[in-house]
Amino acid sequence: MPSTGQNGQEARWRAGTAFAFAVVDGRGTVLGHVAVSAIDRRHSTGWLSYWTTRAARGRGAASAACRSLARRAFDDAGPSRLELGHRVDNRVLPGRRCGRVRGGGPATAEAGVRRGAP
């Protein structure tokens, strides 16, 4: 379900520079949040982010939501690359389940998924 709210999210949604969704299960229980933001049409990139509730962790919710939103972003917003930032001490690393992952700096790692990548 679309997530709109404070801090200009609705304006970014209308402008096509950011899209955010609640992640829910079949009963409507909130499992987390997933978003594509910082869509830069000139450089054909976007930033994928997520969070999950403690109860949702280890159930594949983040990976499924990231994959689903990445497909939608590639089809609707048109970037050729999405980047996912995460802490390197995140043991789960859902980015590895969403597509290709490349390492980054000491505090975060960057995962890049390109349109049409296997």
PDB file of N, CA and C in Angstrom:
ATOM      1  N   MET A   1       0.837  -1.171   0.000  1.00  0.00           N
ATOM      2  CA  MET A   1       0.000   0.000   0.000  1.00  0.00           C
ATOM      3  C   MET A   1       0.884   1.237   0.000  1.00  0.00           C
ATOM      4  N   PRO A   2       0.523   2.264  -0.765  1.00  0.00           N
ATOM      5  CA  PRO A   2       1.338   3.483  -0.796  1.00  0.00           C
ATOM      6  C   PRO A   2       1.422   4.129   0.575  1.00  0.00           C
ATOM      7  N   SER A   3       2.567   4.648   0.899  1.00  0.00           N
ATOM      8  CA  SER A   3       2.784   5.344   2.156  1.00  0.00           C
ATOM      9  C   SER A   3       3.061   6.806   1.837  1.00  0.00           C
ATOM     10  N   THR A   4       2.176   7.670   2.256  1.00  0.00           N
ATOM     11  CA  THR A   4       2.395   9.099   2.064  1.00  0.00           C
ATOM     12  C   THR A   4       2.445   9.735   3.429  1.00  0.00           C
ATOM     13  N   GLY A   5       3.028  10.894   3.523  1.00  0.00           N
ATOM     14  CA  GLY A   5       3.101  11.470   4.856  1.00  0.00           C
ATOM     15  C   GLY A   5       3.826  12.778   4.871  1.00  0.00           C
ATOM     16  N   GLN A   6       4.434  13.026   5.986  1.00  0.00           N
ATOM     17  CA  GLN A   6       5.078  14.295   6.280  1.00  0.00           C
ATOM     18  C   GLN A   6       6.362  14.468   5.489  1.00  0.00           C
ATOM     19  N   ASN A   7       6.968  15.616   5.692  1.00  0.00           N
ATOM     20  CA  ASN A   7       8.300  15.920   5.156  1.00  0.00           C
ATOM     21  C   ASN A   7       8.376  15.883   3.635  1.00  0.00           C
ATOM     22  N   GLY A   8       7.297  16.230   2.951  1.00  0.00           N
ATOM     23  CA  GLY A   8       7.343  16.355   1.501  1.00  0.00           C
ATOM     24  C   GLY A   8       7.218  15.066   0.719  1.00  0.00           C
ATOM     25  N   GLN A   9       6.905  13.946   1.385  1.00  0.00           N
ATOM     26  CA  GLN A   9       6.802  12.673   0.674  1.00  0.00           C
ATOM     27  C   GLN A   9       5.747  12.732  -0.422  1.00  0.00           C
ATOM     28  N   GLU A  10       4.599  13.328  -0.139  1.00  0.00           N
ATOM     29  CA  GLU A  10       3.546  13.394  -1.151  1.00  0.00           C
ATOM     30  C   GLU A  10       4.001  14.192  -2.372  1.00  0.00           C
ATOM     31  N   ALA A  11       4.725  15.291  -2.156  1.00  0.00           N
ATOM     32  CA  ALA A  11       5.229  16.096  -3.274  1.00  0.00           C
ATOM     33  C   ALA A  11       6.238  15.309  -4.100  1.00  0.00           C
ATOM     34  N   ARG A  12       7.115  14.545  -3.436  1.00  0.00           N
ATOM     35  CA  ARG A  12       8.090  13.730  -4.167  1.00  0.00           C
ATOM     36  C   ARG A  12       7.386  12.626  -4.957  1.00  0.00           C
ATOM     37  N   TRP A  13       6.315  12.073  -4.393  1.00  0.00           N
ATOM     38  CA  TRP A  13       5.535  11.042  -5.090  1.00  0.00           C
ATOM     39  C   TRP A  13       4.963  11.642  -6.376  1.00  0.00           C
ATOM     40  N   ARG A  14       4.327  12.811  -6.257  1.00  0.00           N
ATOM     41  CA  ARG A  14       3.735  13.465  -7.441  1.00  0.00           C
ATOM     42  C   ARG A  14       4.799  13.830  -8.478  1.00  0.00           C
ATOM     43  N   ALA A  15       5.979  14.228  -8.010  1.00  0.00           N
ATOM     44  CA  ALA A  15       7.061  14.617  -8.920  1.00  0.00           C
ATOM     45  C   ALA A  15       7.760  13.403  -9.531  1.00  0.00           C
ATOM     46  N   GLY A  16       7.496  12.216  -8.995  1.00  0.00           N
ATOM     47  CA  GLY A  16       8.125  11.013  -9.522  1.00  0.00           C
ATOM     48  C   GLY A  16       9.557  10.830  -9.088  1.00  0.00           C
ATOM     49  N   THR A  17       9.932  11.429  -7.942  1.00  0.00           N
ATOM     50  CA  THR A  17      11.311  11.296  -7.468  1.00  0.00           C
ATOM     51  C   THR A  17      11.443  10.381  -6.265  1.00  0.00           C
ATOM     52  N   ALA A  18      10.315   9.922  -5.700  1.00  0.00           N
ATOM     53  CA  ALA A  18      10.352   9.000  -4.562  1.00  0.00           C
ATOM     54  C   ALA A  18       9.002   8.299  -4.435  1.00  0.00           C
ATOM     55  N   PHE A  19       9.066   7.016  -4.093  1.00  0.00           N
ATOM     56  CA  PHE A  19       7.864   6.208  -3.904  1.00  0.00           C
ATOM     57  C   PHE A  19       8.072   5.341  -2.675  1.00  0.00           C
ATOM     58  N   ALA A  20       7.093   5.315  -1.763  1.00  0.00           N
ATOM     59  CA  ALA A  20       7.221   4.555  -0.530  1.00  0.00           C
ATOM     60  C   ALA A  20       5.969   3.718  -0.299  1.00  0.00           C
ATOM     61  N   PHE A  21       6.177   2.527   0.275  1.00  0.00           N
ATOM     62  CA  PHE A  21       5.076   1.603   0.518  1.00  0.00           C
ATOM     63  C   PHE A  21       5.236   0.937   1.875  1.00  0.00           C
ATOM     64  N   ALA A  22       4.108   0.676   2.520  1.00  0.00           N
ATOM     65  CA  ALA A  22       4.104  -0.168   3.707  1.00  0.00           C
ATOM     66  C   ALA A  22       4.222  -1.608   3.232  1.00  0.00           C
ATOM     67  N   VAL A  23       4.917  -2.423   3.989  1.00  0.00           N
ATOM     68  CA  VAL A  23       5.007  -3.861   3.716  1.00  0.00           C
ATOM     69  C   VAL A  23       4.079  -4.534   4.715  1.00  0.00           C
ATOM     70  N   VAL A  24       3.062  -5.240   4.213  1.00  0.00           N
ATOM     71  CA  VAL A  24       2.073  -5.880   5.076  1.00  0.00           C
ATOM     72  C   VAL A  24       1.910  -7.341   4.689  1.00  0.00           C
ATOM     73  N   ASP A  25       1.420  -8.139   5.633  1.00  0.00           N
ATOM     74  CA  ASP A  25       1.134  -9.531   5.318  1.00  0.00           C
ATOM     75  C   ASP A  25      -0.316  -9.653   4.841  1.00  0.00           C
ATOM     76  N   GLY A  26      -0.774 -10.857   4.620  1.00  0.00           N
ATOM     77  CA  GLY A  26      -2.117 -11.088   4.101  1.00  0.00           C
ATOM     78  C   GLY A  26      -3.236 -10.623   5.009  1.00  0.00           C
ATOM     79  N   ARG A  27      -2.937 -10.414   6.288  1.00  0.00           N
ATOM     80  CA  ARG A  27      -3.945  -9.938   7.239  1.00  0.00           C
ATOM     81  C   ARG A  27      -3.868  -8.432   7.451  1.00  0.00           C
ATOM     82  N   GLY A  28      -2.930  -7.767   6.758  1.00  0.00           N
ATOM     83  CA  GLY A  28      -2.782  -6.324   6.914  1.00  0.00           C
ATOM     84  C   GLY A  28      -1.860  -5.911   8.047  1.00  0.00           C
ATOM     85  N   THR A  29      -1.171  -6.863   8.659  1.00  0.00           N
ATOM     86  CA  THR A  29      -0.210  -6.552   9.720  1.00  0.00           C
ATOM     87  C   THR A  29       1.024  -5.915   9.103  1.00  0.00           C
ATOM     88  N   VAL A  30       1.436  -4.784   9.631  1.00  0.00           N
ATOM     89  CA  VAL A  30       2.611  -4.085   9.109  1.00  0.00           C
ATOM     90  C   VAL A  30       3.871  -4.879   9.443  1.00  0.00           C
ATOM     91  N   LEU A  31       4.630  -5.180   8.389  1.00  0.00           N
ATOM     92  CA  LEU A  31       5.903  -5.896   8.530  1.00  0.00           C
ATOM     93  C   LEU A  31       7.091  -4.966   8.343  1.00  0.00           C
ATOM     94  N   GLY A  32       6.863  -3.822   7.688  1.00  0.00           N
ATOM     95  CA  GLY A  32       7.958  -2.900   7.440  1.00  0.00           C
ATOM     96  C   GLY A  32       7.591  -1.829   6.438  1.00  0.00           C
ATOM     97  N   HIS A  33       8.613  -1.318   5.785  1.00  0.00           N
ATOM     98  CA  HIS A  33       8.482  -0.199   4.854  1.00  0.00           C
ATOM     99  C   HIS A  33       9.564  -0.342   3.791  1.00  0.00           C
ATOM    100  N   VAL A  34       9.239  -0.009   2.553  1.00  0.00           N
ATOM    101  CA  VAL A  34      10.213  -0.052   1.472  1.00  0.00           C
ATOM    102  C   VAL A  34      10.007   1.193   0.607  1.00  0.00           C
ATOM    103  N   ALA A  35      11.097   1.749   0.106  1.00  0.00           N
ATOM    104  CA  ALA A  35      10.994   2.983  -0.677  1.00  0.00           C
ATOM    105  C   ALA A  35      12.080   3.038  -1.748  1.00  0.00           C
ATOM    106  N   VAL A  36      11.755   3.716  -2.823  1.00  0.00           N
ATOM    107  CA  VAL A  36      12.752   4.139  -3.804  1.00  0.00           C
ATOM    108  C   VAL A  36      12.728   5.656  -3.748  1.00  0.00           C
ATOM    109  N   SER A  37      13.878   6.251  -3.520  1.00  0.00           N
ATOM    110  CA  SER A  37      13.962   7.706  -3.414  1.00  0.00           C
ATOM    111  C   SER A  37      15.177   8.195  -4.183  1.00  0.00           C
ATOM    112  N   ALA A  38      15.376   9.490  -4.128  1.00  0.00           N
ATOM    113  CA  ALA A  38      16.512  10.128  -4.806  1.00  0.00           C
ATOM    114  C   ALA A  38      16.600   9.684  -6.262  1.00  0.00           C
ATOM    115  N   ILE A  39      15.440   9.559  -6.915  1.00  0.00           N
ATOM    116  CA  ILE A  39      15.444   9.181  -8.325  1.00  0.00           C
ATOM    117  C   ILE A  39      16.018  10.336  -9.129  1.00  0.00           C
ATOM    118  N   ASP A  40      17.102  10.057  -9.797  1.00  0.00           N
ATOM    119  CA  ASP A  40      17.821  11.056 -10.595  1.00  0.00           C
ATOM    120  C   ASP A  40      17.708  10.638 -12.056  1.00  0.00           C
ATOM    121  N   ARG A  41      16.834  11.299 -12.774  1.00  0.00           N
ATOM    122  CA  ARG A  41      16.586  10.920 -14.170  1.00  0.00           C
ATOM    123  C   ARG A  41      17.797  11.218 -15.060  1.00  0.00           C
ATOM    124  N   ARG A  42      18.561  12.244 -14.719  1.00  0.00           N
ATOM    125  CA  ARG A  42      19.743  12.572 -15.520  1.00  0.00           C
ATOM    126  C   ARG A  42      20.766  11.448 -15.485  1.00  0.00           C
ATOM    127  N   HIS A  43      20.991  10.884 -14.291  1.00  0.00           N
ATOM    128  CA  HIS A  43      21.967   9.812 -14.141  1.00  0.00           C
ATOM    129  C   HIS A  43      21.319   8.434 -14.140  1.00  0.00           C
ATOM    130  N   SER A  44      20.007   8.384 -14.241  1.00  0.00           N
ATOM    131  CA  SER A  44      19.244   7.138 -14.329  1.00  0.00           C
ATOM    132  C   SER A  44      19.489   6.216 -13.133  1.00  0.00           C
ATOM    133  N   THR A  45      19.443   6.823 -11.911  1.00  0.00           N
ATOM    134  CA  THR A  45      19.673   6.059 -10.693  1.00  0.00           C
ATOM    135  C   THR A  45      18.572   6.330  -9.672  1.00  0.00           C
ATOM    136  N   GLY A  46      18.497   5.485  -8.685  1.00  0.00           N
ATOM    137  CA  GLY A  46      17.592   5.669  -7.559  1.00  0.00           C
ATOM    138  C   GLY A  46      18.163   4.960  -6.344  1.00  0.00           C
ATOM    139  N   TRP A  47      17.636   5.271  -5.176  1.00  0.00           N
ATOM    140  CA  TRP A  47      18.113   4.716  -3.913  1.00  0.00           C
ATOM    141  C   TRP A  47      17.002   3.877  -3.305  1.00  0.00           C
ATOM    142  N   LEU A  48      17.258   2.609  -3.042  1.00  0.00           N
ATOM    143  CA  LEU A  48      16.299   1.693  -2.453  1.00  0.00           C
ATOM    144  C   LEU A  48      16.580   1.579  -0.959  1.00  0.00           C
ATOM    145  N   SER A  49      15.536   1.727  -0.138  1.00  0.00           N
ATOM    146  CA  SER A  49      15.714   1.595   1.307  1.00  0.00           C
ATOM    147  C   SER A  49      14.558   0.791   1.888  1.00  0.00           C
ATOM    148  N   TYR A  50      14.775   0.270   3.088  1.00  0.00           N
ATOM    149  CA  TYR A  50      13.747  -0.558   3.729  1.00  0.00           C
ATOM    150  C   TYR A  50      13.997  -0.606   5.229  1.00  0.00           C
ATOM    151  N   TRP A  51      12.985  -1.005   5.945  1.00  0.00           N
ATOM    152  CA  TRP A  51      13.135  -1.434   7.333  1.00  0.00           C
ATOM    153  C   TRP A  51      12.052  -2.477   7.596  1.00  0.00           C
ATOM    154  N   THR A  52      12.278  -3.328   8.582  1.00  0.00           N
ATOM    155  CA  THR A  52      11.286  -4.338   8.953  1.00  0.00           C
ATOM    156  C   THR A  52      11.104  -4.354  10.463  1.00  0.00           C
ATOM    157  N   THR A  53       9.939  -4.817  10.883  1.00  0.00           N
ATOM    158  CA  THR A  53       9.701  -5.009  12.305  1.00  0.00           C
ATOM    159  C   THR A  53      10.497  -6.226  12.771  1.00  0.00           C
ATOM    160  N   ARG A  54      10.738  -6.296  14.047  1.00  0.00           N
ATOM    161  CA  ARG A  54      11.485  -7.434  14.597  1.00  0.00           C
ATOM    162  C   ARG A  54      10.768  -8.750  14.254  1.00  0.00           C
ATOM    163  N   ALA A  55       9.440  -8.773  14.349  1.00  0.00           N
ATOM    164  CA  ALA A  55       8.674  -9.991  14.080  1.00  0.00           C
ATOM    165  C   ALA A  55       8.781 -10.437  12.619  1.00  0.00           C
ATOM    166  N   ALA A  56       9.051  -9.513  11.706  1.00  0.00           N
ATOM    167  CA  ALA A  56       9.120  -9.845  10.275  1.00  0.00           C
ATOM    168  C   ALA A  56      10.492 -10.338   9.845  1.00  0.00           C
ATOM    169  N   ARG A  57      11.495 -10.116  10.655  1.00  0.00           N
ATOM    170  CA  ARG A  57      12.867 -10.478  10.276  1.00  0.00           C
ATOM    171  C   ARG A  57      13.026 -11.980  10.122  1.00  0.00           C
ATOM    172  N   GLY A  58      13.750 -12.376   9.097  1.00  0.00           N
ATOM    173  CA  GLY A  58      13.999 -13.787   8.842  1.00  0.00           C
ATOM    174  C   GLY A  58      12.880 -14.485   8.092  1.00  0.00           C
ATOM    175  N   ARG A  59      11.852 -13.740   7.686  1.00  0.00           N
ATOM    176  CA  ARG A  59      10.705 -14.314   6.979  1.00  0.00           C
ATOM    177  C   ARG A  59      10.727 -13.993   5.487  1.00  0.00           C
ATOM    178  N   GLY A  60      11.754 -13.274   5.028  1.00  0.00           N
ATOM    179  CA  GLY A  60      11.850 -12.932   3.614  1.00  0.00           C
ATOM    180  C   GLY A  60      11.054 -11.708   3.207  1.00  0.00           C
ATOM    181  N   ALA A  61      10.477 -10.991   4.177  1.00  0.00           N
ATOM    182  CA  ALA A  61       9.644  -9.827   3.864  1.00  0.00           C
ATOM    183  C   ALA A  61      10.450  -8.715   3.194  1.00  0.00           C
ATOM    184  N   ALA A  62      11.631  -8.414   3.727  1.00  0.00           N
ATOM    185  CA  ALA A  62      12.446  -7.337   3.157  1.00  0.00           C
ATOM    186  C   ALA A  62      12.912  -7.693   1.750  1.00  0.00           C
ATOM    187  N   SER A  63      13.376  -8.913   1.558  1.00  0.00           N
ATOM    188  CA  SER A  63      13.853  -9.324   0.238  1.00  0.00           C
ATOM    189  C   SER A  63      12.733  -9.282  -0.788  1.00  0.00           C
ATOM    190  N   ALA A  64      11.561  -9.816  -0.427  1.00  0.00           N
ATOM    191  CA  ALA A  64      10.423  -9.821  -1.359  1.00  0.00           C
ATOM    192  C   ALA A  64       9.975  -8.402  -1.676  1.00  0.00           C
ATOM    193  N   ALA A  65       9.916  -7.549  -0.665  1.00  0.00           N
ATOM    194  CA  ALA A  65       9.484  -6.166  -0.883  1.00  0.00           C
ATOM    195  C   ALA A  65      10.486  -5.408  -1.751  1.00  0.00           C
ATOM    196  N   CYS A  66      11.778  -5.605  -1.496  1.00  0.00           N
ATOM    197  CA  CYS A  66      12.805  -4.926  -2.303  1.00  0.00           C
ATOM    198  C   CYS A  66      12.763  -5.388  -3.754  1.00  0.00           C
ATOM    199  N   ARG A  67      12.627  -6.700  -3.967  1.00  0.00           N
ATOM    200  CA  ARG A  67      12.532  -7.209  -5.346  1.00  0.00           C
ATOM    201  C   ARG A  67      11.309  -6.652  -6.049  1.00  0.00           C
ATOM    202  N   SER A  68      10.166  -6.654  -5.369  1.00  0.00           N
ATOM    203  CA  SER A  68       8.924  -6.168  -5.959  1.00  0.00           C
ATOM    204  C   SER A  68       9.017  -4.689  -6.316  1.00  0.00           C
ATOM    205  N   LEU A  69       9.523  -3.890  -5.393  1.00  0.00           N
ATOM    206  CA  LEU A  69       9.627  -2.461  -5.665  1.00  0.00           C
ATOM    207  C   LEU A  69      10.678  -2.172  -6.731  1.00  0.00           C
ATOM    208  N   ALA A  70      11.760  -2.935  -6.763  1.00  0.00           N
ATOM    209  CA  ALA A  70      12.769  -2.727  -7.808  1.00  0.00           C
ATOM    210  C   ALA A  70      12.156  -2.974  -9.187  1.00  0.00           C
ATOM    211  N   ARG A  71      11.383  -4.052  -9.314  1.00  0.00           N
ATOM    212  CA  ARG A  71      10.711  -4.310 -10.608  1.00  0.00           C
ATOM    213  C   ARG A  71       9.798  -3.158 -10.985  1.00  0.00           C
ATOM    214  N   ARG A  72       9.007  -2.695 -10.018  1.00  0.00           N
ATOM    215  CA  ARG A  72       8.084  -1.601 -10.302  1.00  0.00           C
ATOM    216  C   ARG A  72       8.843  -0.321 -10.653  1.00  0.00           C
ATOM    217  N   ALA A  73       9.899  -0.039  -9.921  1.00  0.00           N
ATOM    218  CA  ALA A  73      10.679   1.174 -10.195  1.00  0.00           C
ATOM    219  C   ALA A  73      11.278   1.134 -11.592  1.00  0.00           C
ATOM    220  N   PHE A  74      11.856  -0.004 -11.981  1.00  0.00           N
ATOM    221  CA  PHE A  74      12.434  -0.110 -13.317  1.00  0.00           C
ATOM    222  C   PHE A  74      11.364   0.096 -14.386  1.00  0.00           C
ATOM    223  N   ASP A  75      10.175  -0.442 -14.171  1.00  0.00           N
ATOM    224  CA  ASP A  75       9.098  -0.311 -15.155  1.00  0.00           C
ATOM    225  C   ASP A  75       8.478   1.078 -15.181  1.00  0.00           C
ATOM    226  N   ASP A  76       8.259   1.675 -14.001  1.00  0.00           N
ATOM    227  CA  ASP A  76       7.504   2.927 -13.924  1.00  0.00           C
ATOM    228  C   ASP A  76       8.366   4.182 -13.860  1.00  0.00           C
ATOM    229  N   ALA A  77       9.476   4.144 -13.109  1.00  0.00           N
ATOM    230  CA  ALA A  77      10.282   5.349 -12.911  1.00  0.00           C
ATOM    231  C   ALA A  77      11.456   5.425 -13.879  1.00  0.00           C
ATOM    232  N   GLY A  78      11.845   4.283 -14.435  1.00  0.00           N
ATOM    233  CA  GLY A  78      12.840   4.261 -15.488  1.00  0.00           C
ATOM    234  C   GLY A  78      14.301   4.320 -15.136  1.00  0.00           C
ATOM    235  N   PRO A  79      14.733   4.147 -13.858  1.00  0.00           N
ATOM    236  CA  PRO A  79      16.185   4.165 -13.636  1.00  0.00           C
ATOM    237  C   PRO A  79      16.825   2.920 -14.238  1.00  0.00           C
ATOM    238  N   SER A  80      18.094   3.008 -14.565  1.00  0.00           N
ATOM    239  CA  SER A  80      18.805   1.820 -15.032  1.00  0.00           C
ATOM    240  C   SER A  80      19.600   1.195 -13.891  1.00  0.00           C
ATOM    241  N   ARG A  81      19.691   1.903 -12.752  1.00  0.00           N
ATOM    242  CA  ARG A  81      20.425   1.372 -11.593  1.00  0.00           C
ATOM    243  C   ARG A  81      19.726   1.807 -10.313  1.00  0.00           C
ATOM    244  N   LEU A  82      19.559   0.850  -9.391  1.00  0.00           N
ATOM    245  CA  LEU A  82      19.085   1.143  -8.039  1.00  0.00           C
ATOM    246  C   LEU A  82      20.198   0.784  -7.068  1.00  0.00           C
ATOM    247  N   GLU A  83      20.374   1.604  -6.054  1.00  0.00           N
ATOM    248  CA  GLU A  83      21.403   1.352  -5.048  1.00  0.00           C
ATOM    249  C   GLU A  83      20.743   1.128  -3.698  1.00  0.00           C
ATOM    250  N   LEU A  84      21.259   0.166  -2.953  1.00  0.00           N
ATOM    251  CA  LEU A  84      20.754  -0.181  -1.634  1.00  0.00           C
ATOM    252  C   LEU A  84      21.874   0.020  -0.637  1.00  0.00           C
ATOM    253  N   GLY A  85      21.664   0.858   0.343  1.00  0.00           N
ATOM    254  CA  GLY A  85      22.658   1.048   1.389  1.00  0.00           C
ATOM    255  C   GLY A  85      22.275   0.247   2.611  1.00  0.00           C
ATOM    256  N   HIS A  86      23.248  -0.338   3.259  1.00  0.00           N
ATOM    257  CA  HIS A  86      22.991  -1.081   4.487  1.00  0.00           C
ATOM    258  C   HIS A  86      24.259  -1.114   5.323  1.00  0.00           C
ATOM    259  N   ARG A  87      24.087  -1.375   6.602  1.00  0.00           N
ATOM    260  CA  ARG A  87      25.247  -1.493   7.489  1.00  0.00           C
ATOM    261  C   ARG A  87      25.978  -2.785   7.165  1.00  0.00           C
ATOM    262  N   VAL A  88      27.287  -2.751   7.184  1.00  0.00           N
ATOM    263  CA  VAL A  88      28.050  -3.959   6.878  1.00  0.00           C
ATOM    264  C   VAL A  88      27.947  -5.001   7.985  1.00  0.00           C
ATOM    265  N   ASP A  89      27.497  -4.596   9.179  1.00  0.00           N
ATOM    266  CA  ASP A  89      27.311  -5.581  10.241  1.00  0.00           C
ATOM    267  C   ASP A  89      25.900  -6.174  10.227  1.00  0.00           C
ATOM    268  N   ASN A  90      25.124  -5.884   9.187  1.00  0.00           N
ATOM    269  CA  ASN A  90      23.805  -6.500   9.015  1.00  0.00           C
ATOM    270  C   ASN A  90      24.040  -7.933   8.553  1.00  0.00           C
ATOM    271  N   ARG A  91      23.800  -8.898   9.437  1.00  0.00           N
ATOM    272  CA  ARG A  91      24.087 -10.299   9.137  1.00  0.00           C
ATOM    273  C   ARG A  91      23.205 -10.846   8.020  1.00  0.00           C
ATOM    274  N   VAL A  92      22.013 -10.290   7.856  1.00  0.00           N
ATOM    275  CA  VAL A  92      21.051 -10.848   6.911  1.00  0.00           C
ATOM    276  C   VAL A  92      21.351 -10.416   5.479  1.00  0.00           C
ATOM    277  N   LEU A  93      21.719  -9.163   5.267  1.00  0.00           N
ATOM    278  CA  LEU A  93      22.044  -8.624   3.951  1.00  0.00           C
ATOM    279  C   LEU A  93      21.002  -8.988   2.881  1.00  0.00           C
ATOM    280  N   PRO A  94      19.765  -8.494   3.002  1.00  0.00           N
ATOM    281  CA  PRO A  94      18.752  -8.826   2.009  1.00  0.00           C
ATOM    282  C   PRO A  94      19.142  -8.388   0.605  1.00  0.00           C
ATOM    283  N   GLY A  95      20.060  -7.444   0.477  1.00  0.00           N
ATOM    284  CA  GLY A  95      20.502  -7.036  -0.846  1.00  0.00           C
ATOM    285  C   GLY A  95      21.063  -8.194  -1.651  1.00  0.00           C
ATOM    286  N   ARG A  96      21.667  -9.146  -0.987  1.00  0.00           N
ATOM    287  CA  ARG A  96      22.200 -10.321  -1.686  1.00  0.00           C
ATOM    288  C   ARG A  96      21.071 -11.156  -2.281  1.00  0.00           C
ATOM    289  N   ARG A  97      19.907 -11.088  -1.691  1.00  0.00           N
ATOM    290  CA  ARG A  97      18.771 -11.850  -2.198  1.00  0.00           C
ATOM    291  C   ARG A  97      17.988 -11.079  -3.252  1.00  0.00           C
ATOM    292  N   CYS A  98      18.266  -9.790  -3.387  1.00  0.00           N
ATOM    293  CA  CYS A  98      17.540  -8.944  -4.328  1.00  0.00           C
ATOM    294  C   CYS A  98      18.252  -8.810  -5.664  1.00  0.00           C
ATOM    295  N   GLY A  99      19.519  -9.119  -5.734  1.00  0.00           N
ATOM    296  CA  GLY A  99      20.269  -8.941  -6.970  1.00  0.00           C
ATOM    297  C   GLY A  99      21.750  -8.878  -6.680  1.00  0.00           C
ATOM    298  N   ARG A 100      22.488  -8.277  -7.569  1.00  0.00           N
ATOM    299  CA  ARG A 100      23.940  -8.206  -7.419  1.00  0.00           C
ATOM    300  C   ARG A 100      24.330  -7.223  -6.339  1.00  0.00           C
ATOM    301  N   VAL A 101      25.351  -7.573  -5.578  1.00  0.00           N
ATOM    302  CA  VAL A 101      25.815  -6.739  -4.476  1.00  0.00           C
ATOM    303  C   VAL A 101      27.305  -6.479  -4.633  1.00  0.00           C
ATOM    304  N   ARG A 102      27.701  -5.240  -4.416  1.00  0.00           N
ATOM    305  CA  ARG A 102      29.110  -4.868  -4.430  1.00  0.00           C
ATOM    306  C   ARG A 102      29.418  -4.159  -3.125  1.00  0.00           C
ATOM    307  N   GLY A 103      30.603  -4.346  -2.584  1.00  0.00           N
ATOM    308  CA  GLY A 103      30.990  -3.776  -1.298  1.00  0.00           C
ATOM    309  C   GLY A 103      31.205  -2.284  -1.347  1.00  0.00           C
ATOM    310  N   GLY A 104      31.149  -1.657  -0.178  1.00  0.00           N
ATOM    311  CA  GLY A 104      31.335  -0.219  -0.053  1.00  0.00           C
ATOM    312  C   GLY A 104      32.328   0.099   1.038  1.00  0.00           C
ATOM    313  N   GLY A 105      32.109   1.206   1.701  1.00  0.00           N
ATOM    314  CA  GLY A 105      33.025   1.685   2.724  1.00  0.00           C
ATOM    315  C   GLY A 105      32.844   1.009   4.072  1.00  0.00           C
ATOM    316  N   PRO A 106      33.489   1.554   5.109  1.00  0.00           N
ATOM    317  CA  PRO A 106      33.502   0.900   6.417  1.00  0.00           C
ATOM    318  C   PRO A 106      32.152   0.915   7.141  1.00  0.00           C
ATOM    319  N   ALA A 107      31.331   1.925   6.945  1.00  0.00           N
ATOM    320  CA  ALA A 107      30.074   2.008   7.696  1.00  0.00           C
ATOM    321  C   ALA A 107      28.896   1.441   6.914  1.00  0.00           C
ATOM    322  N   THR A 108      28.948   1.536   5.613  1.00  0.00           N
ATOM    323  CA  THR A 108      27.834   1.034   4.803  1.00  0.00           C
ATOM    324  C   THR A 108      28.387   0.283   3.610  1.00  0.00           C
ATOM    325  N   ALA A 109      27.562  -0.527   3.023  1.00  0.00           N
ATOM    326  CA  ALA A 109      27.916  -1.189   1.783  1.00  0.00           C
ATOM    327  C   ALA A 109      26.878  -0.788   0.755  1.00  0.00           C
ATOM    328  N   GLU A 110      27.223  -0.838  -0.473  1.00  0.00           N
ATOM    329  CA  GLU A 110      26.308  -0.442  -1.541  1.00  0.00           C
ATOM    330  C   GLU A 110      25.976  -1.652  -2.375  1.00  0.00           C
ATOM    331  N   ALA A 111      24.708  -1.845  -2.598  1.00  0.00           N
ATOM    332  CA  ALA A 111      24.270  -2.926  -3.466  1.00  0.00           C
ATOM    333  C   ALA A 111      23.671  -2.288  -4.714  1.00  0.00           C
ATOM    334  N   GLY A 112      24.150  -2.673  -5.845  1.00  0.00           N
ATOM    335  CA  GLY A 112      23.618  -2.120  -7.087  1.00  0.00           C
ATOM    336  C   GLY A 112      22.911  -3.175  -7.883  1.00  0.00           C
ATOM    337  N   VAL A 113      21.736  -2.850  -8.356  1.00  0.00           N
ATOM    338  CA  VAL A 113      20.975  -3.744  -9.227  1.00  0.00           C
ATOM    339  C   VAL A 113      20.725  -2.990 -10.513  1.00  0.00           C
ATOM    340  N   ARG A 114      21.093  -3.585 -11.625  1.00  0.00           N
ATOM    341  CA  ARG A 114      20.897  -2.930 -12.911  1.00  0.00           C
ATOM    342  C   ARG A 114      19.684  -3.536 -13.619  1.00  0.00           C
ATOM    343  N   ARG A 115      19.014  -2.689 -14.390  1.00  0.00           N
ATOM    344  CA  ARG A 115      17.880  -3.140 -15.181  1.00  0.00           C
ATOM    345  C   ARG A 115      18.316  -4.312 -16.051  1.00  0.00           C
ATOM    346  N   GLY A 116      17.533  -5.378 -16.039  1.00  0.00           N
ATOM    347  CA  GLY A 116      17.803  -6.529 -16.893  1.00  0.00           C
ATOM    348  C   GLY A 116      18.896  -7.452 -16.399  1.00  0.00           C
ATOM    349  N   ALA A 117      19.452  -7.170 -15.200  1.00  0.00           N
ATOM    350  CA  ALA A 117      20.510  -8.053 -14.678  1.00  0.00           C
ATOM    351  C   ALA A 117      19.903  -9.383 -14.270  1.00  0.00           C
ATOM    352  N   PRO A 118      20.607 -10.493 -14.495  1.00  0.00           N
ATOM    353  CA  PRO A 118      20.066 -11.798 -14.085  1.00  0.00           C
ATOM    354  C   PRO A 118      19.986 -11.926 -12.578  1.00  0.00           C
TER     355      PRO A 118
END
